[in-house]
Amino acid sequence: MIVELTQKQSLLRLSACVILAGILWMIPVPEGLPAQGWHVFSVFIPVIVSFIIRPFSMGPMVLLGLVALMVSKTLTPKEALSGYGNTTVWLVVAAFLIAGVVVRTGFGRRLALMLVSRFGKSILGLGYSLCGAEFLLGPVVPSNTARGGGILAPIMRSLAEALDSHPNQQPERAGTYLTLVGAHANLITAAMFLTGMAANPLVAAAAKEVFDIEFGWGTWALGALVPGLVGLALLPPFIYFLAKPALTDTRAAQEVGRKELQEMGRWNRSEKIMALVFFILVVLWATKALHGMGTTLVAWIGVCILLFTHTEKWEDVVGNHKAWDTLIWLGGLLTMANSLKAYGFVDWFAENMAQWVAGFNGIIVVVVLALIYFYSMYSFSMLTAHISAMVAAFFAVALGAGAPPMLTIALLAYFSNLCACTTNYSTGPVIIYFGLGYVQPHQWFSNGFLVSLFHLAIWFGVGMVWWKILGWW
């Protein structure tokens, strides 16, 4: 759980970030690198460090970084604010607004309960119901924390307690198993969709900057479809092998699900409209080649439908602090990431790293980079910080080594989420599931490492075969 810092602790951590920025700024600019590129880097790295040590929330720290770049005249105000005009930022904002409606209308809860009541005859069935609910909600709930922690974790806890499995009493009866399935299924669906996790657009933006390749919603989902579905299909039995529950007959939980679903009554008007919007979004996102409307435009069409049918209130849109908070930090991060490219830092880094990997086969380079990228997650406490700090640089190295661009983008895009399986502090939903108390820290780490091997086997195996069929390498 996140511990509230005292004012003194916050200022001490902030001071560490400022000192780091000052040290980097004063280091002589490396040969061959424009001074502006180094200065952007000198501010960017402390901002990323702030995501890890958390002196303040992400939004204020990104704003502080932008202000520092403007005050130092490294960037003009117009350049510093350019990231807020990026369409991927507004895609995420729209998706957060839609996610709020999914929760408020009860549509998300109904989907989850329907799956539980349908497939909950056995513990494996409950595991599959959690996977199914994640898969259905993944395309339209862009916060994996909102999806996993806000919608499904409470349902999972209710199911475990209905099976007489509590954190301090018989956790192994069902709670441990359901916790692990819920947490790891969340990461798979986060990997499967551009809108499955809030920071995924950072990967797409980096792919566009470095490779000039549009890795949009349809392309992202297409590449993840086969390995993602295989992962979801095999996850419940794999976790069953790792943490076999003492209980196998879960018809009691199925009855709980049916009872709660019955208590919800018939579909109300708002749920029906939300279901229709859900269908429209997925169809339009998947058929972009036919109508030409971009992913962001489609999302905002959905928001407008919800507003003008009175399914969503304008007051709720304005009050959706997660959406507007994400706008601030994501837009600012994109400004800094784009500036690293524009002022030569990414090119300089790529040229130097290309010399290091010269002579190696491109496929070998991208596989090694993907493995380093995956397991470096042990050093991060947030997926966004991990992506921001590493993905553009790794893309640049792969480009310099002549690695297949689409294969590189695919591996790092999907691994950007799957790597969170390694620890109990990697991302919001993992922290929430762990906080339920059914899994001890040592269990999480040991099972997490084995789940990481599970992911590598599927995405290096099934995934690379699928991407070969797609012509990505």
Protein backbone atom coordinates (compact mmCIF):
# COMPACT_ATOMS: atom_id res chain seq x y z
CA MET A 1 0.00 0.00 0.00
CA ILE A 2 1.08 3.59 -0.64
CA VAL A 3 2.14 5.30 2.60
CA GLU A 4 1.21 8.97 3.07
CA LEU A 5 4.38 11.05 3.38
CA THR A 6 4.90 13.86 5.86
CA GLN A 7 5.68 17.31 4.47
CA LYS A 8 9.31 16.90 5.52
CA GLN A 9 9.61 13.53 3.77
CA SER A 10 8.05 14.95 0.60
CA LEU A 11 10.44 17.89 0.55
CA LEU A 12 13.46 15.65 1.18
CA ARG A 13 12.52 13.42 -1.74
CA LEU A 14 11.81 16.44 -3.91
CA SER A 15 15.24 17.82 -2.98
CA ALA A 16 16.85 14.56 -4.12
CA CYS A 17 15.18 14.96 -7.54
CA VAL A 18 16.25 18.60 -7.82
CA ILE A 19 19.84 17.77 -6.84
CA LEU A 20 19.92 14.96 -9.42
CA ALA A 21 18.69 17.40 -12.08
CA GLY A 22 21.37 19.91 -11.09
CA ILE A 23 24.15 17.32 -11.24
CA LEU A 24 23.06 16.07 -14.66
CA TRP A 25 22.68 19.63 -15.96
CA MET A 26 26.21 20.58 -14.91
CA ILE A 27 27.86 17.50 -16.40
CA PRO A 28 29.63 18.49 -19.66
CA VAL A 29 27.46 17.77 -22.67
CA PRO A 30 28.62 14.50 -24.30
CA GLU A 31 30.37 14.84 -27.63
CA GLY A 32 28.05 14.77 -30.59
CA LEU A 33 24.92 15.59 -28.55
CA PRO A 34 23.19 18.99 -28.86
CA ALA A 35 23.08 20.90 -25.56
CA GLN A 36 19.27 21.17 -25.66
CA GLY A 37 18.96 17.40 -25.94
CA TRP A 38 21.16 16.89 -22.86
CA HIS A 39 19.24 19.52 -20.88
CA VAL A 40 15.89 17.89 -21.67
CA PHE A 41 17.41 14.59 -20.54
CA SER A 42 18.67 16.26 -17.33
CA VAL A 43 15.09 17.19 -16.42
CA PHE A 44 13.39 14.07 -17.81
CA ILE A 45 15.36 11.57 -15.70
CA PRO A 46 14.63 13.27 -12.34
CA VAL A 47 10.94 13.37 -13.30
CA ILE A 48 11.03 9.61 -13.89
CA VAL A 49 12.88 9.11 -10.59
CA SER A 50 10.12 11.10 -8.90
CA PHE A 51 7.60 8.53 -10.15
CA ILE A 52 9.56 5.89 -8.23
CA ILE A 53 10.28 7.71 -4.95
CA ARG A 54 7.04 9.72 -5.13
CA PRO A 55 7.69 13.03 -3.36
CA PHE A 56 4.47 14.33 -4.91
CA SER A 57 1.91 12.97 -7.35
CA MET A 58 2.90 12.48 -10.99
CA GLY A 59 0.99 15.51 -12.29
CA PRO A 60 2.76 18.15 -10.16
CA MET A 61 6.17 16.61 -10.85
CA VAL A 62 5.60 16.67 -14.62
CA LEU A 63 4.41 20.27 -14.40
CA LEU A 64 7.53 21.17 -12.42
CA GLY A 65 9.68 19.57 -15.11
CA LEU A 66 7.94 21.54 -17.86
CA VAL A 67 8.30 24.78 -15.91
CA ALA A 68 12.03 24.10 -15.41
CA LEU A 69 12.48 23.54 -19.15
CA MET A 70 10.67 26.80 -19.94
CA VAL A 71 12.44 28.88 -17.29
CA SER A 72 15.82 27.61 -18.54
CA LYS A 73 14.72 28.48 -22.10
CA THR A 74 15.38 24.90 -23.18
CA LEU A 75 11.83 24.81 -24.51
CA THR A 76 9.48 27.62 -25.49
CA PRO A 77 6.01 27.63 -23.87
CA LYS A 78 4.56 26.51 -27.20
CA GLU A 79 6.97 23.56 -27.33
CA ALA A 80 6.42 22.69 -23.66
CA LEU A 81 2.65 22.50 -24.17
CA SER A 82 2.81 20.62 -27.47
CA GLY A 83 2.24 17.24 -25.86
CA TYR A 84 -1.26 18.28 -24.79
CA GLY A 85 -2.28 18.45 -28.42
CA ASN A 86 -1.32 14.82 -29.00
CA THR A 87 -4.28 12.69 -30.04
CA THR A 88 -3.19 9.74 -27.89
CA VAL A 89 -3.49 11.93 -24.77
CA TRP A 90 -7.08 12.75 -25.61
CA LEU A 91 -7.78 9.10 -26.42
CA VAL A 92 -6.81 8.21 -22.86
CA VAL A 93 -8.92 11.06 -21.43
CA ALA A 94 -11.95 9.86 -23.41
CA ALA A 95 -11.38 6.29 -22.33
CA PHE A 96 -11.24 7.33 -18.66
CA LEU A 97 -14.52 9.18 -19.07
CA ILE A 98 -16.10 6.10 -20.64
CA ALA A 99 -14.70 3.94 -17.85
CA GLY A 100 -16.48 6.11 -15.31
CA VAL A 101 -19.77 5.39 -17.05
CA VAL A 102 -19.00 1.65 -17.15
CA VAL A 103 -18.71 1.71 -13.36
CA ARG A 104 -21.53 4.15 -12.54
CA THR A 105 -24.14 2.45 -14.73
CA GLY A 106 -23.33 -0.95 -13.22
CA PHE A 107 -22.53 -2.31 -16.69
CA GLY A 108 -19.07 -3.55 -15.65
CA ARG A 109 -20.34 -5.23 -12.51
CA ARG A 110 -23.16 -6.92 -14.41
CA LEU A 111 -20.71 -8.33 -16.97
CA ALA A 112 -18.52 -9.76 -14.23
CA LEU A 113 -21.45 -11.29 -12.34
CA MET A 114 -22.88 -12.79 -15.53
CA LEU A 115 -19.60 -14.58 -16.16
CA VAL A 116 -19.36 -15.79 -12.57
CA SER A 117 -22.91 -17.12 -12.53
CA ARG A 118 -22.34 -18.85 -15.88
CA PHE A 119 -18.90 -20.38 -15.32
CA GLY A 120 -18.62 -20.59 -11.53
CA LYS A 121 -19.31 -24.29 -10.96
CA SER A 122 -15.66 -25.01 -10.20
CA ILE A 123 -12.66 -23.07 -8.97
CA LEU A 124 -11.25 -23.20 -12.49
CA GLY A 125 -14.54 -21.85 -13.76
CA LEU A 126 -14.27 -18.90 -11.39
CA GLY A 127 -10.74 -18.31 -12.64
CA TYR A 128 -11.99 -18.28 -16.21
CA SER A 129 -14.84 -15.93 -15.26
CA LEU A 130 -12.29 -13.40 -13.94
CA CYS A 131 -10.28 -13.76 -17.16
CA GLY A 132 -13.41 -13.32 -19.26
CA ALA A 133 -14.50 -10.23 -17.37
CA GLU A 134 -11.02 -8.73 -17.82
CA PHE A 135 -11.11 -9.48 -21.55
CA LEU A 136 -14.53 -7.84 -22.00
CA LEU A 137 -13.66 -4.74 -20.00
CA GLY A 138 -10.10 -4.36 -21.31
CA PRO A 139 -10.93 -2.44 -24.52
CA VAL A 140 -12.98 0.28 -22.82
CA VAL A 141 -11.56 0.66 -19.29
CA PRO A 142 -8.14 2.27 -19.86
CA SER A 143 -7.03 2.14 -16.26
CA ASN A 144 -5.95 -1.36 -15.32
CA THR A 145 -6.26 -0.15 -11.73
CA ALA A 146 -9.90 0.88 -12.23
CA ARG A 147 -10.67 -2.34 -14.07
CA GLY A 148 -8.83 -4.76 -11.80
CA GLY A 149 -8.80 -2.92 -8.51
CA GLY A 150 -12.05 -0.98 -8.76
CA ILE A 151 -14.37 -3.46 -10.46
CA LEU A 152 -13.06 -7.01 -10.24
CA ALA A 153 -10.98 -7.17 -7.04
CA PRO A 154 -14.02 -6.41 -4.83
CA ILE A 155 -16.02 -9.10 -6.64
CA MET A 156 -13.13 -11.56 -6.27
CA ARG A 157 -12.93 -10.87 -2.55
CA SER A 158 -16.69 -11.42 -2.16
CA LEU A 159 -16.38 -14.72 -3.99
CA ALA A 160 -13.51 -15.88 -1.78
CA GLU A 161 -15.39 -14.96 1.39
CA ALA A 162 -18.50 -16.75 0.12
CA LEU A 163 -16.30 -19.84 -0.12
CA ASP A 164 -15.25 -19.37 3.53
CA SER A 165 -11.75 -18.31 2.50
CA HIS A 166 -10.38 -15.29 4.39
CA PRO A 167 -6.91 -13.68 4.56
CA ASN A 168 -6.39 -14.89 8.13
CA GLN A 169 -8.43 -18.05 7.89
CA GLN A 170 -8.03 -20.65 5.16
CA PRO A 171 -6.63 -18.33 2.46
CA GLU A 172 -5.45 -21.42 0.57
CA ARG A 173 -9.05 -22.65 0.32
CA ALA A 174 -9.79 -20.32 -2.63
CA GLY A 175 -8.59 -16.77 -1.96
CA THR A 176 -4.93 -17.28 -2.84
CA TYR A 177 -5.80 -18.87 -6.17
CA LEU A 178 -8.42 -16.28 -7.14
CA THR A 179 -6.12 -13.40 -6.14
CA LEU A 180 -3.31 -14.64 -8.35
CA VAL A 181 -5.60 -15.32 -11.31
CA GLY A 182 -7.28 -11.91 -11.02
CA ALA A 183 -4.02 -9.98 -10.75
CA HIS A 184 -2.22 -11.74 -13.59
CA ALA A 185 -5.27 -11.77 -15.90
CA ASN A 186 -5.41 -8.00 -15.47
CA LEU A 187 -1.87 -7.68 -16.81
CA ILE A 188 -2.61 -9.85 -19.86
CA THR A 189 -5.62 -7.75 -20.85
CA ALA A 190 -3.62 -4.58 -20.16
CA ALA A 191 -1.12 -5.87 -22.71
CA MET A 192 -3.76 -6.82 -25.28
CA PHE A 193 -5.27 -3.40 -25.96
CA LEU A 194 -3.88 0.07 -26.57
CA THR A 195 -6.64 1.25 -24.24
CA GLY A 196 -5.97 -1.52 -21.71
CA MET A 197 -3.57 0.57 -19.60
CA ALA A 198 -3.21 4.33 -19.34
CA ALA A 199 0.47 4.49 -20.31
CA ASN A 200 0.23 2.21 -23.36
CA PRO A 201 -0.06 5.26 -25.66
CA LEU A 202 3.45 6.23 -24.54
CA VAL A 203 4.70 3.07 -26.26
CA ALA A 204 2.71 3.85 -29.40
CA ALA A 205 4.02 7.43 -29.40
CA ALA A 206 7.62 6.22 -29.02
CA ALA A 207 7.12 3.77 -31.89
CA LYS A 208 5.94 6.63 -34.08
CA GLU A 209 8.84 8.87 -33.05
CA VAL A 210 11.61 6.30 -33.46
CA PHE A 211 10.36 4.04 -36.27
CA ASP A 212 7.71 6.32 -37.85
CA ILE A 213 5.25 3.42 -37.51
CA GLU A 214 1.64 3.90 -36.43
CA PHE A 215 1.00 1.16 -33.86
CA GLY A 216 -2.66 2.03 -33.34
CA TRP A 217 -5.55 0.33 -31.57
CA GLY A 218 -6.31 -2.16 -34.33
CA THR A 219 -2.68 -3.10 -34.96
CA TRP A 220 -1.98 -3.42 -31.23
CA ALA A 221 -5.02 -5.65 -30.69
CA LEU A 222 -4.32 -7.75 -33.78
CA GLY A 223 -0.77 -8.54 -32.68
CA ALA A 224 -1.90 -9.46 -29.16
CA LEU A 225 -4.99 -11.43 -30.15
CA VAL A 226 -3.56 -14.95 -30.44
CA PRO A 227 -0.87 -14.95 -27.72
CA GLY A 228 -3.18 -12.97 -25.42
CA LEU A 229 -6.07 -15.41 -25.77
CA VAL A 230 -3.69 -18.35 -25.32
CA GLY A 231 -2.36 -16.71 -22.16
CA LEU A 232 -5.86 -16.13 -20.77
CA ALA A 233 -6.85 -19.70 -21.62
CA LEU A 234 -3.82 -21.26 -19.91
CA LEU A 235 -3.53 -18.90 -16.94
CA PRO A 236 -6.21 -20.47 -14.65
CA PRO A 237 -4.79 -24.04 -14.91
CA PHE A 238 -1.23 -22.72 -14.62
CA ILE A 239 -2.05 -20.84 -11.41
CA TYR A 240 -3.94 -23.93 -10.24
CA PHE A 241 -0.66 -25.83 -10.61
CA LEU A 242 1.31 -23.15 -8.74
CA ALA A 243 -1.17 -22.52 -5.92
CA LYS A 244 -3.64 -25.39 -5.87
CA PRO A 245 -6.73 -24.39 -3.89
CA ALA A 246 -8.04 -26.68 -1.19
CA LEU A 247 -11.57 -26.21 -2.54
CA THR A 248 -12.59 -27.37 -5.98
CA ASP A 249 -16.42 -27.27 -5.84
CA THR A 250 -17.48 -23.61 -5.93
CA ARG A 251 -21.19 -23.85 -6.59
CA ALA A 252 -21.76 -21.70 -3.48
CA ALA A 253 -19.92 -18.81 -5.13
CA GLN A 254 -21.93 -19.34 -8.28
CA GLU A 255 -25.09 -18.96 -6.24
CA VAL A 256 -23.73 -15.76 -4.69
CA GLY A 257 -23.10 -14.40 -8.17
CA ARG A 258 -26.56 -15.35 -9.33
CA LYS A 259 -28.13 -13.78 -6.27
CA GLU A 260 -26.26 -10.50 -6.74
CA LEU A 261 -27.09 -10.51 -10.45
CA GLN A 262 -30.74 -11.11 -9.63
CA GLU A 263 -30.66 -8.25 -7.14
CA MET A 264 -29.45 -5.95 -9.92
CA GLY A 265 -32.72 -6.63 -11.74
CA ARG A 266 -33.29 -5.99 -15.42
CA TRP A 267 -30.94 -4.01 -17.59
CA ASN A 268 -31.73 -0.35 -17.09
CA ARG A 269 -31.69 2.24 -19.85
CA SER A 270 -28.19 3.47 -19.01
CA GLU A 271 -26.72 -0.03 -19.08
CA LYS A 272 -28.29 -0.72 -22.48
CA ILE A 273 -26.86 2.48 -23.93
CA MET A 274 -23.46 1.71 -22.41
CA ALA A 275 -23.55 -1.76 -23.97
CA LEU A 276 -24.43 -0.20 -27.35
CA VAL A 277 -21.58 2.30 -27.06
CA PHE A 278 -19.24 -0.53 -26.07
CA PHE A 279 -20.22 -2.39 -29.25
CA ILE A 280 -19.90 0.71 -31.45
CA LEU A 281 -16.44 1.53 -30.10
CA VAL A 282 -15.02 -1.93 -30.65
CA VAL A 283 -16.49 -2.20 -34.16
CA LEU A 284 -15.26 1.24 -35.24
CA TRP A 285 -11.81 0.72 -33.73
CA ALA A 286 -11.49 -2.61 -35.50
CA THR A 287 -12.66 -1.28 -38.88
CA LYS A 288 -10.61 1.91 -39.16
CA ALA A 289 -9.39 0.89 -42.63
CA LEU A 290 -12.99 1.05 -43.91
CA HIS A 291 -14.10 4.44 -42.58
CA GLY A 292 -10.82 6.26 -41.87
CA MET A 293 -11.83 7.63 -38.46
CA GLY A 294 -8.96 7.67 -35.99
CA THR A 295 -9.02 5.90 -32.64
CA THR A 296 -9.32 9.14 -30.68
CA LEU A 297 -12.21 10.45 -32.77
CA VAL A 298 -14.10 7.19 -32.27
CA ALA A 299 -13.62 7.38 -28.49
CA TRP A 300 -14.99 10.92 -28.39
CA ILE A 301 -17.97 9.87 -30.50
CA GLY A 302 -18.68 7.41 -27.69
CA VAL A 303 -18.36 10.16 -25.07
CA CYS A 304 -20.77 12.38 -27.01
CA ILE A 305 -23.34 9.59 -27.31
CA LEU A 306 -23.18 9.02 -23.57
CA LEU A 307 -23.57 12.75 -22.84
CA PHE A 308 -26.41 13.50 -25.24
CA THR A 309 -28.40 10.42 -24.23
CA HIS A 310 -28.10 11.56 -20.60
CA THR A 311 -26.26 8.37 -19.74
CA GLU A 312 -23.42 10.55 -18.42
CA LYS A 313 -23.69 13.93 -16.73
CA TRP A 314 -21.41 16.84 -17.64
CA GLU A 315 -20.73 17.32 -13.94
CA ASP A 316 -19.32 13.77 -13.79
CA VAL A 317 -17.14 14.48 -16.82
CA VAL A 318 -15.73 17.61 -15.21
CA GLY A 319 -15.33 15.79 -11.89
CA ASN A 320 -13.46 12.79 -13.31
CA HIS A 321 -10.15 13.70 -11.66
CA LYS A 322 -8.37 10.59 -12.95
CA ALA A 323 -8.99 11.66 -16.55
CA TRP A 324 -7.71 15.21 -16.06
CA ASP A 325 -4.81 14.13 -13.86
CA THR A 326 -3.75 11.72 -16.61
CA LEU A 327 -4.05 14.54 -19.17
CA ILE A 328 -1.52 16.60 -17.18
CA TRP A 329 1.16 13.96 -16.63
CA LEU A 330 0.75 12.08 -19.91
CA GLY A 331 0.78 15.23 -22.06
CA GLY A 332 3.84 16.54 -20.25
CA LEU A 333 5.69 13.25 -20.53
CA LEU A 334 4.99 13.15 -24.25
CA THR A 335 6.39 16.67 -24.58
CA MET A 336 9.64 15.62 -22.90
CA ALA A 337 9.86 12.31 -24.78
CA ASN A 338 9.25 14.06 -28.12
CA SER A 339 11.83 16.73 -27.22
CA LEU A 340 14.46 14.06 -26.55
CA LYS A 341 13.91 12.94 -30.13
CA ALA A 342 13.61 16.43 -31.62
CA TYR A 343 16.84 17.69 -30.01
CA GLY A 344 18.95 14.72 -30.96
CA PHE A 345 19.24 12.73 -27.71
CA VAL A 346 17.51 9.57 -29.01
CA ASP A 347 19.55 9.61 -32.23
CA TRP A 348 22.79 10.14 -30.28
CA PHE A 349 21.95 7.29 -27.92
CA ALA A 350 21.02 5.01 -30.81
CA GLU A 351 24.26 5.72 -32.67
CA ASN A 352 26.36 4.92 -29.60
CA MET A 353 24.43 1.80 -28.67
CA ALA A 354 24.45 0.63 -32.28
CA GLN A 355 28.24 0.46 -32.05
CA TRP A 356 27.90 -1.75 -28.96
CA VAL A 357 25.60 -4.25 -30.70
CA ALA A 358 27.29 -4.04 -34.08
CA GLY A 359 27.75 -7.44 -35.65
CA PHE A 360 24.90 -9.12 -33.77
CA ASN A 361 21.88 -10.46 -35.62
CA GLY A 362 18.87 -8.11 -35.38
CA ILE A 363 16.60 -10.84 -34.01
CA ILE A 364 19.11 -11.68 -31.27
CA VAL A 365 19.38 -8.01 -30.35
CA VAL A 366 15.64 -7.52 -29.98
CA VAL A 367 15.22 -10.73 -27.93
CA VAL A 368 18.02 -9.72 -25.56
CA LEU A 369 16.63 -6.18 -25.26
CA ALA A 370 13.15 -7.57 -24.58
CA LEU A 371 14.46 -9.79 -21.77
CA ILE A 372 16.41 -6.92 -20.19
CA TYR A 373 13.35 -4.69 -20.52
CA PHE A 374 11.10 -7.32 -18.92
CA TYR A 375 13.21 -8.07 -15.86
CA SER A 376 14.30 -4.48 -15.25
CA MET A 377 10.78 -4.07 -13.86
CA TYR A 378 12.13 -5.31 -10.52
CA SER A 379 13.68 -1.84 -10.14
CA PHE A 380 10.44 0.08 -10.76
CA SER A 381 7.29 0.60 -8.74
CA MET A 382 5.14 1.86 -11.60
CA LEU A 383 4.62 0.70 -15.17
CA THR A 384 4.44 4.29 -16.40
CA ALA A 385 7.88 5.08 -14.99
CA HIS A 386 9.31 1.92 -16.54
CA ILE A 387 7.88 2.73 -19.96
CA SER A 388 8.88 6.39 -19.81
CA ALA A 389 12.44 5.65 -18.78
CA MET A 390 13.25 2.81 -21.14
CA VAL A 391 11.02 2.13 -24.13
CA ALA A 392 12.19 4.95 -26.47
CA ALA A 393 15.85 4.22 -25.72
CA PHE A 394 15.39 0.50 -26.36
CA PHE A 395 13.56 1.24 -29.61
CA ALA A 396 16.48 3.41 -30.66
CA VAL A 397 19.02 0.66 -29.93
CA ALA A 398 16.97 -1.86 -31.89
CA LEU A 399 16.71 0.56 -34.81
CA GLY A 400 20.47 1.07 -34.83
CA ALA A 401 21.04 -2.70 -34.77
CA GLY A 402 18.76 -3.29 -37.74
CA ALA A 403 16.18 -5.28 -35.75
CA PRO A 404 12.76 -5.84 -37.40
CA PRO A 405 10.75 -2.74 -36.42
CA MET A 406 7.32 -4.37 -35.98
CA LEU A 407 8.74 -7.28 -33.97
CA THR A 408 10.59 -4.82 -31.72
CA ILE A 409 7.50 -2.69 -31.16
CA ALA A 410 5.32 -5.73 -30.46
CA LEU A 411 7.63 -7.32 -27.90
CA LEU A 412 8.27 -4.14 -25.96
CA ALA A 413 4.64 -3.00 -26.17
CA TYR A 414 3.25 -6.22 -24.74
CA PHE A 415 6.10 -6.75 -22.28
CA SER A 416 5.45 -3.22 -20.97
CA ASN A 417 2.47 -4.70 -19.11
CA LEU A 418 3.33 -8.37 -18.69
CA CYS A 419 6.54 -7.50 -16.82
CA ALA A 420 4.42 -6.31 -13.86
CA CYS A 421 3.90 -9.96 -12.91
CA THR A 422 7.32 -9.99 -11.22
CA THR A 423 6.61 -8.09 -7.99
CA ASN A 424 3.82 -7.14 -5.60
CA TYR A 425 4.51 -3.40 -6.04
CA SER A 426 4.62 -3.09 -9.83
CA THR A 427 1.28 -1.46 -10.63
CA GLY A 428 -2.00 -0.34 -9.05
CA PRO A 429 -4.14 -3.48 -9.46
CA VAL A 430 -1.31 -5.75 -8.33
CA ILE A 431 -0.90 -3.64 -5.20
CA ILE A 432 -4.67 -3.81 -4.58
CA TYR A 433 -4.90 -7.58 -5.08
CA PHE A 434 -1.84 -8.11 -2.87
CA GLY A 435 -3.35 -5.80 -0.27
CA LEU A 436 -6.32 -8.15 0.12
CA GLY A 437 -3.97 -10.28 2.20
CA TYR A 438 -4.42 -13.70 0.59
CA VAL A 439 -0.86 -13.97 -0.78
CA GLN A 440 2.30 -13.46 1.26
CA PRO A 441 5.19 -11.42 -0.23
CA HIS A 442 7.50 -14.42 -0.70
CA GLN A 443 4.68 -16.29 -2.44
CA TRP A 444 4.07 -13.37 -4.77
CA PHE A 445 7.72 -13.11 -5.78
CA SER A 446 8.21 -16.85 -6.34
CA ASN A 447 4.94 -17.27 -8.24
CA GLY A 448 5.59 -14.03 -10.11
CA PHE A 449 8.90 -15.30 -11.45
CA LEU A 450 7.26 -18.52 -12.66
CA VAL A 451 4.45 -16.51 -14.26
CA SER A 452 7.12 -14.44 -16.03
CA LEU A 453 8.48 -17.65 -17.58
CA PHE A 454 4.90 -18.56 -18.55
CA HIS A 455 4.54 -15.23 -20.39
CA LEU A 456 7.92 -15.51 -22.10
CA ALA A 457 7.11 -19.02 -23.35
CA ILE A 458 3.80 -17.87 -24.85
CA TRP A 459 4.85 -14.53 -26.34
CA PHE A 460 8.24 -15.70 -27.62
CA GLY A 461 6.65 -18.94 -28.84
CA VAL A 462 3.05 -18.48 -29.98
CA GLY A 463 3.52 -14.74 -30.36
CA MET A 464 6.47 -14.85 -32.72
CA VAL A 465 4.78 -17.50 -34.87
CA TRP A 466 1.67 -15.30 -35.07
CA TRP A 467 3.72 -12.21 -35.92
CA LYS A 468 5.54 -14.19 -38.62
CA ILE A 469 2.16 -15.01 -40.14
CA LEU A 470 1.28 -11.31 -39.98
CA GLY A 471 4.54 -10.49 -41.77
CA TRP A 472 5.99 -8.50 -38.87
CA TRP A 473 9.44 -10.10 -39.20
